[in-house]
Amino acid sequence: MIDIPYNPDADAALEQLKTGEANFVILSVETDPTVHIALDTHGTAATFTDLAGKVKPDAPRFVFYTHPDGRRAPSMVLVYVCPPTAPVKSRMVHSGFLQLMVHVLKTRRGYHIVKKFEVENMTDVDGREVDELLA
């Protein structure tokens, strides 16, 4: 069975998301020296809208977010941000990992992803819709 290689920081941040120690995790796919999932940043955001400034505008990213109410094993949304200005190779590598990442996180790690958004920019996602999904 195929698995996804995560660097230790990304793996730890995903675990913090699951336990409620963080309510967002932003990941990327790195290809040097080997292909793996890397942590961009993670922490606590008061609202989904607060995340927009944390996502790099010129590179694809996977953004996991859950409501900051401290629940254990929360429901979350995944926003796949793929700016059209990002290099073609980077867009292709990230899009290739998207479905595999969702599958692995749901089936092997027990994450409950209630919705997946695929957008060009974080501002393309309505924060109110996210709040309703996670209520």
Protein backbone atom coordinates (compact mmCIF):
# COMPACT_ATOMS: atom_id res chain seq x y z
CA MET A 1 0.00 0.00 0.00
CA ILE A 2 1.26 3.46 -0.87
CA ASP A 3 2.07 5.83 1.97
CA ILE A 4 3.06 9.46 2.01
CA PRO A 5 6.45 10.45 3.41
CA TYR A 6 6.06 13.30 5.91
CA ASN A 7 8.94 15.12 7.48
CA PRO A 8 8.84 14.92 11.31
CA ASP A 9 7.64 18.53 11.73
CA ALA A 10 4.68 17.97 9.38
CA ASP A 11 3.79 14.73 11.13
CA ALA A 12 3.89 16.40 14.56
CA ALA A 13 1.77 19.35 13.37
CA LEU A 14 -0.89 17.00 11.96
CA GLU A 15 -1.00 15.23 15.31
CA GLN A 16 -1.45 18.59 17.08
CA LEU A 17 -4.32 19.35 14.74
CA LYS A 18 -5.97 16.07 15.68
CA THR A 19 -5.52 16.61 19.43
CA GLY A 20 -6.70 20.23 19.35
CA GLU A 21 -3.33 21.79 20.20
CA ALA A 22 -3.46 23.59 16.83
CA ASN A 23 -6.42 24.42 14.62
CA PHE A 24 -4.61 24.88 11.32
CA VAL A 25 -1.74 23.21 9.50
CA ILE A 26 -0.32 24.35 6.17
CA LEU A 27 1.67 21.76 4.22
CA SER A 28 3.56 21.66 0.95
CA VAL A 29 5.21 19.02 -1.20
CA GLU A 30 8.99 19.30 -1.35
CA THR A 31 11.03 17.49 -4.00
CA ASP A 32 14.60 18.11 -2.85
CA PRO A 33 16.37 15.87 -2.04
CA THR A 34 13.42 13.43 -2.07
CA VAL A 35 9.67 13.89 -2.45
CA HIS A 36 7.96 14.40 0.91
CA ILE A 37 5.28 16.43 2.68
CA ALA A 38 6.77 19.39 4.55
CA LEU A 39 5.37 21.75 7.16
CA ASP A 40 4.94 25.34 6.05
CA THR A 41 3.37 26.57 9.30
CA HIS A 42 0.78 25.64 11.92
CA GLY A 43 -0.85 27.12 15.00
CA THR A 44 -4.10 28.67 16.13
CA ALA A 45 -6.22 31.09 14.15
CA ALA A 46 -9.27 32.78 15.64
CA THR A 47 -11.18 32.49 12.37
CA PHE A 48 -10.79 30.88 8.98
CA THR A 49 -10.40 34.34 7.43
CA ASP A 50 -7.27 34.89 9.57
CA LEU A 51 -5.52 32.14 7.58
CA ALA A 52 -5.48 34.01 4.27
CA GLY A 53 -2.34 35.96 5.19
CA LYS A 54 -0.48 32.82 6.28
CA VAL A 55 -0.68 31.10 2.88
CA LYS A 56 2.01 32.00 0.36
CA PRO A 57 0.33 33.62 -2.66
CA ASP A 58 2.69 32.14 -5.26
CA ALA A 59 2.95 28.45 -4.30
CA PRO A 60 0.52 25.54 -3.92
CA ARG A 61 -0.36 24.58 -0.35
CA PHE A 62 -2.60 22.18 1.56
CA VAL A 63 -4.43 24.01 4.35
CA PHE A 64 -6.16 22.00 7.08
CA TYR A 65 -8.44 23.96 9.39
CA THR A 66 -10.79 23.14 12.22
CA HIS A 67 -12.86 25.41 14.42
CA PRO A 68 -10.76 26.69 17.35
CA ASP A 69 -12.97 25.29 20.11
CA GLY A 70 -10.48 22.71 21.38
CA ARG A 71 -12.51 19.60 20.56
CA ARG A 72 -10.51 16.41 20.30
CA ALA A 73 -10.39 14.63 16.90
CA PRO A 74 -12.31 17.46 15.23
CA SER A 75 -13.97 17.68 11.89
CA MET A 76 -11.88 19.74 9.50
CA VAL A 77 -11.81 21.23 6.06
CA LEU A 78 -9.00 20.92 3.55
CA VAL A 79 -8.26 23.78 1.21
CA TYR A 80 -5.99 22.96 -1.68
CA VAL A 81 -4.65 26.33 -2.82
CA CYS A 82 -3.06 26.29 -6.27
CA PRO A 83 -2.28 29.77 -7.63
CA PRO A 84 -2.12 29.96 -11.42
CA THR A 85 1.16 31.88 -11.08
CA ALA A 86 2.89 28.94 -9.35
CA PRO A 87 5.45 27.02 -11.41
CA VAL A 88 3.87 24.27 -13.53
CA LYS A 89 6.00 21.51 -11.96
CA SER A 90 4.94 22.56 -8.46
CA ARG A 91 1.24 22.63 -9.42
CA MET A 92 1.51 19.16 -10.97
CA VAL A 93 3.33 17.63 -8.00
CA HIS A 94 0.86 19.08 -5.49
CA SER A 95 -2.22 18.07 -7.47
CA GLY A 96 -0.80 14.56 -7.76
CA PHE A 97 -0.62 14.29 -3.97
CA LEU A 98 -4.06 15.71 -3.20
CA GLN A 99 -6.25 12.59 -3.44
CA LEU A 100 -3.60 10.34 -1.93
CA MET A 101 -3.21 12.68 1.04
CA VAL A 102 -6.97 12.81 1.66
CA HIS A 103 -7.20 9.02 1.45
CA VAL A 104 -4.29 8.39 3.81
CA LEU A 105 -5.43 10.95 6.40
CA LYS A 106 -8.99 9.60 6.44
CA THR A 107 -8.31 5.86 6.34
CA ARG A 108 -5.02 5.46 8.18
CA ARG A 109 -5.02 8.38 10.57
CA GLY A 110 -8.73 8.76 11.31
CA TYR A 111 -9.12 12.39 10.27
CA HIS A 112 -12.65 13.57 9.53
CA ILE A 113 -12.40 15.88 6.50
CA VAL A 114 -15.91 17.24 5.94
CA LYS A 115 -15.14 19.22 2.79
CA LYS A 116 -12.32 19.73 0.36
CA PHE A 117 -11.97 23.04 -1.47
CA GLU A 118 -9.76 23.45 -4.54
CA VAL A 119 -9.08 27.14 -5.13
CA GLU A 120 -6.58 29.54 -6.66
CA ASN A 121 -6.49 31.80 -3.58
CA MET A 122 -7.60 31.48 0.05
CA THR A 123 -9.98 34.40 -0.43
CA ASP A 124 -11.96 32.21 -2.86
CA VAL A 125 -13.34 30.31 0.14
CA ASP A 126 -16.21 31.83 2.12
CA GLY A 127 -15.32 31.79 5.82
CA ARG A 128 -19.01 31.66 6.75
CA GLU A 129 -19.45 28.45 4.78
CA VAL A 130 -16.47 26.93 6.58
CA ASP A 131 -17.91 27.94 9.97
CA GLU A 132 -21.25 26.33 9.06
CA LEU A 133 -19.54 23.12 7.96
CA LEU A 134 -17.64 22.87 11.22
CA ALA A 135 -20.49 23.88 13.54
